[in-house]
Amino acid sequence: MSEEREIVIEIQLTRWVVGAIVIAAVVVALPAIMAMSDGDAVAGPKTSTVSRATGMRQFYLGGAAAGSTATTACAAGYHMASLWEIADPSNLRYNTGLGYTSDDSGDGPPTTTWGWVRTGYVSSDANTPGKANCLGWTSHGINRYGTTAGLPMTWNSGVQDLGIWNLEAGDCSQAHAVWCIEDL
């Protein structure tokens, strides 16, 4: 007659053990995920190869529009930028293929053209940069205002502080370029 034996294995999972399991799973899976081609990894629109190669989000200045159409002026894969998204252009890559350039732009944005930029403020047509947003980018009326931003053209202020962005309130009925930034 055979004898039955009961074997009991007790496993106690501590935070350290669970953490080690998760790290091991990531280490094992990461090379396979990185080896996938772009089409295999995720279905959907592709972003530029430049931004993937550099790891930097792209932005550009283009697509002239009146205030009420500014939010639709950017190319597919981009949206109208908030000033806060482009506040530090050194962390971004300018897309010279889509954006305006000037004679001395190199790989950077021009200083000769201003563009509409989102403010993060409530719907307003005030004649005040930072508040002005063509009533939430729905108006192209005369004497209604939206905020435009441009990079400084003159660097001899004496303070040696470029301040990065110059801001003005632009008339919503006038076409301006639009600052666009790559979707996340």
N, C-alpha and C. Protein backbone atom coordinates (compact mmCIF):
# COMPACT_ATOMS: atom_id res chain seq x y z
N MET A 1 0.82 -1.16 0.00
CA MET A 1 0.00 0.00 0.00
C MET A 1 0.88 1.25 0.00
N SER A 2 0.53 2.23 -0.84
CA SER A 2 1.36 3.43 -0.91
C SER A 2 0.91 4.45 0.14
N GLU A 3 1.85 5.12 0.59
CA GLU A 3 1.61 6.11 1.62
C GLU A 3 1.52 7.50 0.99
N GLU A 4 0.51 8.26 1.37
CA GLU A 4 0.38 9.63 0.86
C GLU A 4 1.12 10.57 1.79
N ARG A 5 1.80 11.48 1.16
CA ARG A 5 2.51 12.49 1.94
C ARG A 5 1.98 13.87 1.56
N GLU A 6 1.89 14.67 2.51
CA GLU A 6 1.45 16.05 2.26
C GLU A 6 2.66 16.96 2.44
N ILE A 7 2.93 17.74 1.40
CA ILE A 7 4.03 18.70 1.46
C ILE A 7 3.44 20.09 1.48
N VAL A 8 3.82 20.87 2.43
CA VAL A 8 3.32 22.23 2.57
C VAL A 8 4.48 23.18 2.31
N ILE A 9 4.26 24.11 1.35
CA ILE A 9 5.25 25.13 1.05
C ILE A 9 4.64 26.47 1.43
N GLU A 10 5.28 27.15 2.30
CA GLU A 10 4.78 28.43 2.74
C GLU A 10 5.64 29.53 2.12
N ILE A 11 4.98 30.45 1.39
CA ILE A 11 5.69 31.55 0.75
C ILE A 11 5.22 32.85 1.39
N GLN A 12 6.15 33.58 1.87
CA GLN A 12 5.83 34.87 2.46
C GLN A 12 6.37 35.96 1.54
N LEU A 13 5.45 36.76 1.02
CA LEU A 13 5.86 37.85 0.13
C LEU A 13 6.01 39.13 0.93
N THR A 14 7.19 39.62 0.93
CA THR A 14 7.45 40.90 1.57
C THR A 14 7.57 41.96 0.48
N ARG A 15 7.61 43.19 0.84
CA ARG A 15 7.77 44.26 -0.15
C ARG A 15 9.06 44.07 -0.93
N TRP A 16 10.08 43.62 -0.24
CA TRP A 16 11.37 43.42 -0.90
C TRP A 16 11.27 42.32 -1.95
N VAL A 17 10.59 41.22 -1.63
CA VAL A 17 10.46 40.10 -2.56
C VAL A 17 9.62 40.51 -3.77
N VAL A 18 8.50 41.20 -3.52
CA VAL A 18 7.65 41.65 -4.62
C VAL A 18 8.43 42.63 -5.51
N GLY A 19 9.16 43.53 -4.90
CA GLY A 19 9.97 44.48 -5.67
C GLY A 19 11.00 43.76 -6.52
N ALA A 20 11.64 42.77 -5.96
CA ALA A 20 12.65 42.01 -6.71
C ALA A 20 12.02 41.27 -7.89
N ILE A 21 10.81 40.73 -7.70
CA ILE A 21 10.11 40.03 -8.78
C ILE A 21 9.77 41.01 -9.90
N VAL A 22 9.26 42.17 -9.55
CA VAL A 22 8.91 43.18 -10.56
C VAL A 22 10.15 43.63 -11.33
N ILE A 23 11.23 43.89 -10.64
CA ILE A 23 12.47 44.31 -11.31
C ILE A 23 12.97 43.20 -12.24
N ALA A 24 12.92 41.97 -11.78
CA ALA A 24 13.36 40.84 -12.61
C ALA A 24 12.51 40.74 -13.87
N ALA A 25 11.18 40.93 -13.74
CA ALA A 25 10.29 40.86 -14.89
C ALA A 25 10.60 41.96 -15.90
N VAL A 26 10.88 43.15 -15.42
CA VAL A 26 11.21 44.27 -16.31
C VAL A 26 12.53 44.00 -17.01
N VAL A 27 13.52 43.53 -16.29
CA VAL A 27 14.83 43.25 -16.89
C VAL A 27 14.72 42.18 -17.96
N VAL A 28 13.89 41.17 -17.73
CA VAL A 28 13.72 40.10 -18.72
C VAL A 28 12.95 40.60 -19.93
N ALA A 29 11.90 41.42 -19.72
CA ALA A 29 11.03 41.85 -20.82
C ALA A 29 11.58 43.03 -21.60
N LEU A 30 12.40 43.89 -21.00
CA LEU A 30 12.86 45.12 -21.65
C LEU A 30 13.57 44.89 -22.97
N PRO A 31 14.52 43.98 -23.10
CA PRO A 31 15.18 43.80 -24.40
C PRO A 31 14.19 43.40 -25.51
N ALA A 32 13.20 42.59 -25.18
CA ALA A 32 12.21 42.19 -26.18
C ALA A 32 11.36 43.37 -26.62
N ILE A 33 10.97 44.21 -25.66
CA ILE A 33 10.16 45.39 -25.98
C ILE A 33 10.96 46.36 -26.84
N MET A 34 12.22 46.58 -26.48
CA MET A 34 13.05 47.52 -27.23
C MET A 34 13.38 47.00 -28.62
N ALA A 35 13.38 45.69 -28.81
CA ALA A 35 13.71 45.12 -30.11
C ALA A 35 12.56 45.20 -31.10
N MET A 36 11.34 45.45 -30.60
CA MET A 36 10.19 45.54 -31.49
C MET A 36 10.34 46.71 -32.44
N SER A 37 9.83 46.55 -33.64
CA SER A 37 9.83 47.69 -34.57
C SER A 37 8.72 48.63 -34.15
N ASP A 38 8.73 49.85 -34.68
CA ASP A 38 7.72 50.83 -34.33
C ASP A 38 6.32 50.30 -34.60
N GLY A 39 6.12 49.62 -35.68
CA GLY A 39 4.80 49.12 -36.04
C GLY A 39 4.34 48.02 -35.12
N ASP A 40 5.26 47.23 -34.57
CA ASP A 40 4.89 46.14 -33.69
C ASP A 40 4.56 46.63 -32.28
N ALA A 41 5.21 47.70 -31.85
CA ALA A 41 5.08 48.11 -30.47
C ALA A 41 3.68 48.63 -30.16
N VAL A 42 3.22 49.62 -30.91
CA VAL A 42 1.93 50.23 -30.63
C VAL A 42 1.33 50.69 -31.94
N ALA A 43 0.08 50.37 -32.14
CA ALA A 43 -0.60 50.85 -33.33
C ALA A 43 -0.97 52.30 -33.11
N GLY A 44 -0.97 53.08 -34.16
CA GLY A 44 -1.35 54.48 -34.04
C GLY A 44 -0.40 55.35 -34.81
N PRO A 45 -0.62 56.67 -34.74
CA PRO A 45 0.22 57.59 -35.51
C PRO A 45 1.64 57.58 -35.00
N LYS A 46 2.57 57.72 -35.93
CA LYS A 46 3.98 57.76 -35.57
C LYS A 46 4.41 59.20 -35.39
N THR A 47 5.32 59.40 -34.47
CA THR A 47 5.89 60.73 -34.32
C THR A 47 7.15 60.79 -35.17
N SER A 48 7.72 61.94 -35.27
CA SER A 48 8.90 62.14 -36.10
C SER A 48 10.08 61.30 -35.62
N THR A 49 10.88 60.86 -36.59
CA THR A 49 12.08 60.10 -36.23
C THR A 49 13.10 60.99 -35.54
N VAL A 50 13.04 62.30 -35.79
CA VAL A 50 13.98 63.21 -35.14
C VAL A 50 13.73 63.23 -33.64
N SER A 51 12.46 63.35 -33.22
CA SER A 51 12.18 63.42 -31.79
C SER A 51 12.51 62.10 -31.12
N ARG A 52 12.30 60.98 -31.79
CA ARG A 52 12.64 59.69 -31.20
C ARG A 52 14.15 59.54 -31.09
N ALA A 53 14.87 60.02 -32.08
CA ALA A 53 16.33 59.87 -32.06
C ALA A 53 16.96 60.74 -30.97
N THR A 54 16.43 61.92 -30.74
CA THR A 54 17.02 62.83 -29.76
C THR A 54 16.36 62.73 -28.40
N GLY A 55 15.18 62.16 -28.35
CA GLY A 55 14.45 62.11 -27.09
C GLY A 55 13.85 63.46 -26.72
N MET A 56 13.87 64.40 -27.65
CA MET A 56 13.35 65.74 -27.37
C MET A 56 12.04 65.96 -28.12
N ARG A 57 11.11 66.59 -27.47
CA ARG A 57 9.85 66.95 -28.08
C ARG A 57 10.09 68.06 -29.10
N GLN A 58 9.38 68.02 -30.22
CA GLN A 58 9.56 69.03 -31.26
C GLN A 58 8.50 70.12 -31.16
N PHE A 59 8.87 71.29 -31.63
CA PHE A 59 7.93 72.40 -31.74
C PHE A 59 8.26 73.18 -33.00
N TYR A 60 7.32 74.00 -33.44
CA TYR A 60 7.59 74.83 -34.60
C TYR A 60 6.62 76.00 -34.63
N LEU A 61 6.92 76.98 -35.45
CA LEU A 61 6.08 78.15 -35.65
C LEU A 61 5.59 78.11 -37.09
N GLY A 62 4.30 78.01 -37.28
CA GLY A 62 3.78 77.94 -38.64
C GLY A 62 2.28 78.12 -38.69
N GLY A 63 1.72 77.92 -39.85
CA GLY A 63 0.28 77.91 -40.04
C GLY A 63 -0.44 79.17 -39.64
N ALA A 64 -0.37 80.23 -40.44
CA ALA A 64 -1.05 81.49 -40.12
C ALA A 64 -2.54 81.29 -40.00
N ALA A 65 -3.13 81.88 -38.96
CA ALA A 65 -4.56 81.73 -38.70
C ALA A 65 -5.09 82.93 -37.92
N ALA A 66 -6.36 83.23 -38.11
CA ALA A 66 -7.02 84.22 -37.26
C ALA A 66 -7.28 83.56 -35.91
N GLY A 67 -7.64 84.33 -34.91
CA GLY A 67 -7.80 83.82 -33.56
C GLY A 67 -8.74 82.64 -33.42
N SER A 68 -9.85 82.64 -34.16
CA SER A 68 -10.85 81.57 -34.00
C SER A 68 -10.42 80.25 -34.63
N THR A 69 -9.38 80.24 -35.45
CA THR A 69 -8.93 79.00 -36.08
C THR A 69 -7.51 78.61 -35.66
N ALA A 70 -6.97 79.32 -34.68
CA ALA A 70 -5.59 79.06 -34.25
C ALA A 70 -5.40 77.64 -33.72
N THR A 71 -6.40 77.10 -33.04
CA THR A 71 -6.24 75.76 -32.44
C THR A 71 -6.25 74.64 -33.47
N THR A 72 -6.59 74.94 -34.71
CA THR A 72 -6.61 73.91 -35.76
C THR A 72 -5.51 74.10 -36.79
N ALA A 73 -4.59 75.00 -36.55
CA ALA A 73 -3.58 75.36 -37.55
C ALA A 73 -2.35 74.44 -37.55
N CYS A 74 -2.19 73.59 -36.56
CA CYS A 74 -0.98 72.76 -36.46
C CYS A 74 -1.12 71.47 -37.26
N ALA A 75 0.01 70.94 -37.70
CA ALA A 75 0.04 69.70 -38.47
C ALA A 75 -0.40 68.52 -37.59
N ALA A 76 -0.75 67.42 -38.24
CA ALA A 76 -1.13 66.20 -37.52
C ALA A 76 0.01 65.80 -36.59
N GLY A 77 -0.33 65.41 -35.38
CA GLY A 77 0.68 65.02 -34.41
C GLY A 77 1.18 66.18 -33.56
N TYR A 78 0.64 67.38 -33.81
CA TYR A 78 1.01 68.58 -33.07
C TYR A 78 -0.26 69.30 -32.62
N HIS A 79 -0.13 70.13 -31.62
CA HIS A 79 -1.24 70.96 -31.17
C HIS A 79 -0.73 72.36 -30.85
N MET A 80 -1.68 73.31 -30.78
CA MET A 80 -1.32 74.69 -30.45
C MET A 80 -0.68 74.69 -29.05
N ALA A 81 0.49 75.27 -28.95
CA ALA A 81 1.26 75.22 -27.71
C ALA A 81 0.80 76.26 -26.71
N SER A 82 0.82 75.85 -25.46
CA SER A 82 0.72 76.78 -24.35
C SER A 82 2.12 77.38 -24.17
N LEU A 83 2.19 78.62 -23.75
CA LEU A 83 3.50 79.21 -23.51
C LEU A 83 4.29 78.36 -22.53
N TRP A 84 3.60 77.73 -21.60
CA TRP A 84 4.29 76.94 -20.57
C TRP A 84 4.89 75.66 -21.15
N GLU A 85 4.38 75.19 -22.29
CA GLU A 85 4.96 74.01 -22.93
C GLU A 85 6.26 74.35 -23.68
N ILE A 86 6.39 75.59 -24.13
CA ILE A 86 7.56 75.98 -24.92
C ILE A 86 8.42 77.01 -24.19
N ALA A 87 8.13 77.26 -22.92
CA ALA A 87 8.81 78.31 -22.15
C ALA A 87 10.33 78.19 -22.20
N ASP A 88 10.83 76.96 -22.19
CA ASP A 88 12.27 76.75 -22.23
C ASP A 88 12.62 75.99 -23.52
N PRO A 89 12.86 76.72 -24.62
CA PRO A 89 13.12 76.06 -25.89
C PRO A 89 14.40 75.23 -25.92
N SER A 90 15.28 75.40 -24.94
CA SER A 90 16.51 74.60 -24.92
C SER A 90 16.21 73.13 -24.63
N ASN A 91 15.02 72.83 -24.13
CA ASN A 91 14.62 71.45 -23.86
C ASN A 91 13.79 70.86 -25.00
N LEU A 92 13.68 71.58 -26.10
CA LEU A 92 12.87 71.17 -27.24
C LEU A 92 13.73 71.16 -28.50
N ARG A 93 13.23 70.54 -29.54
CA ARG A 93 13.91 70.56 -30.84
C ARG A 93 12.98 71.24 -31.84
N TYR A 94 13.48 72.27 -32.51
CA TYR A 94 12.69 73.00 -33.49
C TYR A 94 12.60 72.20 -34.78
N ASN A 95 11.39 72.02 -35.30
CA ASN A 95 11.17 71.27 -36.53
C ASN A 95 11.27 72.23 -37.71
N THR A 96 12.44 72.29 -38.34
CA THR A 96 12.66 73.21 -39.46
C THR A 96 11.92 72.75 -40.71
N GLY A 97 11.52 71.50 -40.77
CA GLY A 97 10.76 71.01 -41.92
C GLY A 97 9.33 71.51 -41.94
N LEU A 98 8.75 71.77 -40.78
CA LEU A 98 7.38 72.27 -40.69
C LEU A 98 7.31 73.76 -40.37
N GLY A 99 8.31 74.27 -39.68
CA GLY A 99 8.23 75.63 -39.17
C GLY A 99 8.91 76.68 -40.01
N TYR A 100 8.55 77.91 -39.71
CA TYR A 100 9.21 79.05 -40.34
C TYR A 100 10.68 79.07 -39.95
N THR A 101 11.49 79.53 -40.88
CA THR A 101 12.91 79.75 -40.60
C THR A 101 13.30 81.10 -41.19
N SER A 102 14.44 81.60 -40.78
CA SER A 102 14.98 82.82 -41.37
C SER A 102 16.41 82.54 -41.81
N ASP A 103 17.05 83.55 -42.38
CA ASP A 103 18.39 83.36 -42.93
C ASP A 103 19.40 82.78 -41.94
N ASP A 104 19.27 83.14 -40.67
CA ASP A 104 20.26 82.70 -39.68
C ASP A 104 19.64 81.79 -38.61
N SER A 105 18.59 81.06 -38.95
CA SER A 105 17.92 80.19 -37.98
C SER A 105 18.74 78.97 -37.60
N GLY A 106 19.52 78.45 -38.52
CA GLY A 106 20.20 77.18 -38.25
C GLY A 106 19.15 76.12 -37.98
N ASP A 107 19.27 75.39 -36.88
CA ASP A 107 18.27 74.39 -36.50
C ASP A 107 17.30 74.93 -35.45
N GLY A 108 17.30 76.23 -35.24
CA GLY A 108 16.44 76.82 -34.22
C GLY A 108 15.32 77.65 -34.81
N PRO A 109 14.47 78.18 -33.96
CA PRO A 109 13.33 78.98 -34.41
C PRO A 109 13.75 80.37 -34.87
N PRO A 110 12.90 81.01 -35.67
CA PRO A 110 13.21 82.37 -36.12
C PRO A 110 12.89 83.39 -35.02
N THR A 111 13.52 84.54 -35.11
CA THR A 111 13.22 85.64 -34.19
C THR A 111 12.42 86.72 -34.89
N THR A 112 12.07 86.50 -36.13
CA THR A 112 11.43 87.55 -36.92
C THR A 112 9.91 87.43 -36.99
N THR A 113 9.34 86.37 -36.47
CA THR A 113 7.91 86.12 -36.60
C THR A 113 7.30 85.79 -35.25
N TRP A 114 6.15 86.36 -34.99
CA TRP A 114 5.41 86.10 -33.75
C TRP A 114 4.28 85.13 -34.04
N GLY A 115 3.84 84.43 -33.02
CA GLY A 115 2.73 83.50 -33.22
C GLY A 115 1.81 83.41 -32.03
N TRP A 116 0.56 83.02 -32.33
CA TRP A 116 -0.42 82.80 -31.27
C TRP A 116 0.11 81.73 -30.31
N VAL A 117 -0.19 81.90 -29.04
CA VAL A 117 0.21 80.92 -28.03
C VAL A 117 -0.89 80.87 -26.95
N ARG A 118 -1.16 79.67 -26.48
CA ARG A 118 -2.15 79.51 -25.40
C ARG A 118 -1.58 80.10 -24.11
N THR A 119 -2.49 80.57 -23.24
CA THR A 119 -2.06 81.25 -22.02
C THR A 119 -2.36 80.46 -20.74
N GLY A 120 -3.35 79.61 -20.77
CA GLY A 120 -3.77 78.93 -19.56
C GLY A 120 -4.76 79.77 -18.76
N TYR A 121 -5.16 80.92 -19.29
CA TYR A 121 -6.08 81.84 -18.61
C TYR A 121 -7.53 81.51 -18.99
N VAL A 122 -8.49 82.01 -18.24
CA VAL A 122 -9.90 81.83 -18.57
C VAL A 122 -10.22 82.55 -19.87
N SER A 123 -11.34 82.23 -20.49
CA SER A 123 -11.76 82.85 -21.75
C SER A 123 -11.76 84.37 -21.60
N SER A 124 -11.00 85.04 -22.48
CA SER A 124 -10.84 86.48 -22.36
C SER A 124 -10.48 87.10 -23.70
N ASP A 125 -10.91 88.35 -23.88
CA ASP A 125 -10.47 89.11 -25.06
C ASP A 125 -9.79 90.40 -24.62
N ALA A 126 -9.29 90.40 -23.38
CA ALA A 126 -8.60 91.58 -22.83
C ALA A 126 -7.38 91.91 -23.68
N ASN A 127 -7.05 93.18 -23.72
CA ASN A 127 -5.87 93.64 -24.45
C ASN A 127 -4.64 93.54 -23.54
N THR A 128 -4.45 92.35 -22.95
CA THR A 128 -3.36 92.12 -22.01
C THR A 128 -2.68 90.80 -22.32
N PRO A 129 -1.40 90.82 -22.71
CA PRO A 129 -0.70 89.55 -22.96
C PRO A 129 -0.76 88.66 -21.71
N GLY A 130 -1.00 87.39 -21.93
CA GLY A 130 -1.13 86.45 -20.82
C GLY A 130 -2.57 86.20 -20.44
N LYS A 131 -3.43 87.21 -20.62
CA LYS A 131 -4.86 87.04 -20.40
C LYS A 131 -5.58 86.86 -21.74
N ALA A 132 -5.13 87.59 -22.74
CA ALA A 132 -5.79 87.60 -24.05
C ALA A 132 -5.72 86.23 -24.70
N ASN A 133 -6.90 85.69 -25.10
CA ASN A 133 -6.94 84.40 -25.80
C ASN A 133 -8.12 84.29 -26.76
N CYS A 134 -8.49 85.41 -27.38
CA CYS A 134 -9.57 85.44 -28.38
C CYS A 134 -10.81 84.68 -27.89
N LEU A 135 -11.18 84.96 -26.64
CA LEU A 135 -12.33 84.30 -26.01
C LEU A 135 -12.19 82.78 -26.10
N GLY A 136 -11.07 82.28 -25.64
CA GLY A 136 -10.82 80.83 -25.68
C GLY A 136 -10.61 80.33 -27.10
N TRP A 137 -10.04 81.16 -27.94
CA TRP A 137 -9.72 80.84 -29.34
C TRP A 137 -10.98 80.51 -30.14
N THR A 138 -12.07 81.26 -29.85
CA THR A 138 -13.32 81.09 -30.61
C THR A 138 -13.70 82.35 -31.39
N SER A 139 -12.98 83.45 -31.18
CA SER A 139 -13.36 84.71 -31.81
C SER A 139 -12.30 85.20 -32.79
N HIS A 140 -12.79 85.76 -33.90
CA HIS A 140 -11.89 86.45 -34.83
C HIS A 140 -12.37 87.89 -35.02
N GLY A 141 -13.02 88.40 -33.98
CA GLY A 141 -13.57 89.74 -34.03
C GLY A 141 -12.53 90.84 -33.89
N ILE A 142 -12.86 91.99 -34.47
CA ILE A 142 -12.01 93.17 -34.35
C ILE A 142 -12.10 93.68 -32.91
N ASN A 143 -11.01 94.20 -32.40
CA ASN A 143 -10.91 94.69 -31.02
C ASN A 143 -11.11 93.60 -29.97
N ARG A 144 -10.84 92.37 -30.35
CA ARG A 144 -10.74 91.25 -29.41
C ARG A 144 -9.30 90.77 -29.53
N TYR A 145 -8.73 90.30 -28.44
CA TYR A 145 -7.30 90.06 -28.45
C TYR A 145 -6.91 88.66 -28.00
N GLY A 146 -5.80 88.20 -28.56
CA GLY A 146 -5.17 86.94 -28.16
C GLY A 146 -3.69 87.21 -27.93
N THR A 147 -3.03 86.31 -27.23
CA THR A 147 -1.62 86.51 -26.91
C THR A 147 -0.73 85.94 -28.00
N THR A 148 0.25 86.73 -28.42
CA THR A 148 1.26 86.27 -29.37
C THR A 148 2.62 86.29 -28.66
N ALA A 149 3.47 85.38 -29.08
CA ALA A 149 4.80 85.27 -28.47
C ALA A 149 5.85 85.23 -29.56
N GLY A 150 6.98 85.82 -29.28
CA GLY A 150 8.11 85.80 -30.20
C GLY A 150 9.40 85.82 -29.42
N LEU A 151 10.43 85.30 -30.05
CA LEU A 151 11.75 85.32 -29.43
C LEU A 151 12.39 86.68 -29.66
N PRO A 152 13.20 87.16 -28.73
CA PRO A 152 13.77 88.50 -28.85
C PRO A 152 14.70 88.63 -30.06
N MET A 153 14.55 89.76 -30.75
CA MET A 153 15.40 90.04 -31.91
C MET A 153 16.60 90.89 -31.54
N THR A 154 16.47 91.69 -30.49
CA THR A 154 17.52 92.59 -30.07
C THR A 154 18.08 92.11 -28.75
N TRP A 155 19.39 91.97 -28.69
CA TRP A 155 20.02 91.41 -27.49
C TRP A 155 20.86 92.44 -26.75
N ASN A 156 20.63 93.70 -27.02
CA ASN A 156 21.48 94.73 -26.40
C ASN A 156 20.72 95.52 -25.34
N SER A 157 19.93 94.85 -24.56
CA SER A 157 19.14 95.54 -23.54
C SER A 157 20.03 96.10 -22.43
N GLY A 158 21.27 95.67 -22.38
CA GLY A 158 22.18 96.15 -21.35
C GLY A 158 22.14 95.29 -20.10
N VAL A 159 21.09 94.48 -19.95
CA VAL A 159 20.97 93.65 -18.75
C VAL A 159 21.53 92.26 -19.00
N GLN A 160 21.78 91.91 -20.24
CA GLN A 160 22.29 90.60 -20.63
C GLN A 160 21.34 89.47 -20.22
N ASP A 161 20.06 89.77 -20.12
CA ASP A 161 19.05 88.77 -19.81
C ASP A 161 18.10 88.73 -21.00
N LEU A 162 18.16 87.66 -21.77
CA LEU A 162 17.32 87.57 -22.95
C LEU A 162 15.85 87.42 -22.60
N GLY A 163 15.53 86.90 -21.42
CA GLY A 163 14.14 86.79 -21.03
C GLY A 163 13.34 85.79 -21.82
N ILE A 164 13.92 85.15 -22.77
CA ILE A 164 13.37 84.14 -23.67
C ILE A 164 12.21 84.65 -24.52
N TRP A 165 11.04 84.96 -23.97
CA TRP A 165 9.88 85.29 -24.79
C TRP A 165 9.44 86.74 -24.63
N ASN A 166 9.12 87.37 -25.76
CA ASN A 166 8.43 88.66 -25.77
C ASN A 166 6.96 88.35 -26.03
N LEU A 167 6.07 89.05 -25.36
CA LEU A 167 4.64 88.79 -25.50
C LEU A 167 3.90 90.07 -25.88
N GLU A 168 2.89 89.91 -26.72
CA GLU A 168 2.03 91.03 -27.11
C GLU A 168 0.61 90.51 -27.22
N ALA A 169 -0.34 91.43 -27.19
CA ALA A 169 -1.73 91.09 -27.47
C ALA A 169 -1.97 91.41 -28.94
N GLY A 170 -2.42 90.41 -29.70
CA GLY A 170 -2.69 90.61 -31.12
C GLY A 170 -4.18 90.60 -31.39
N ASP A 171 -4.60 91.33 -32.40
CA ASP A 171 -6.01 91.41 -32.77
C ASP A 171 -6.46 90.07 -33.35
N CYS A 172 -7.55 89.52 -32.81
CA CYS A 172 -8.03 88.19 -33.22
C CYS A 172 -8.46 88.13 -34.68
N SER A 173 -8.75 89.29 -35.30
CA SER A 173 -9.17 89.30 -36.70
C SER A 173 -7.97 89.17 -37.65
N GLN A 174 -6.78 89.36 -37.13
CA GLN A 174 -5.56 89.29 -37.94
C GLN A 174 -4.97 87.88 -37.91
N ALA A 175 -4.45 87.44 -39.06
CA ALA A 175 -3.80 86.14 -39.13
C ALA A 175 -2.38 86.26 -38.57
N HIS A 176 -2.06 85.35 -37.67
CA HIS A 176 -0.70 85.25 -37.12
C HIS A 176 -0.27 83.79 -37.26
N ALA A 177 1.02 83.56 -37.23
CA ALA A 177 1.53 82.18 -37.18
C ALA A 177 1.08 81.61 -35.84
N VAL A 178 1.23 80.30 -35.68
CA VAL A 178 0.81 79.61 -34.45
C VAL A 178 1.98 78.78 -33.94
N TRP A 179 2.27 78.88 -32.65
CA TRP A 179 3.28 78.01 -32.04
C TRP A 179 2.66 76.64 -31.82
N CYS A 180 3.29 75.62 -32.37
CA CYS A 180 2.79 74.25 -32.29
C CYS A 180 3.81 73.37 -31.59
N ILE A 181 3.33 72.39 -30.84
CA ILE A 181 4.21 71.46 -30.15
C ILE A 181 3.73 70.03 -30.36
N GLU A 182 4.67 69.14 -30.42
CA GLU A 182 4.39 67.74 -30.68
C GLU A 182 3.53 67.15 -29.55
N ASP A 183 2.52 66.38 -29.95
CA ASP A 183 1.68 65.69 -28.98
C ASP A 183 2.51 64.71 -28.17
N LEU A 184 2.10 64.45 -26.97
CA LEU A 184 2.78 63.45 -26.15
C LEU A 184 2.30 62.07 -26.52
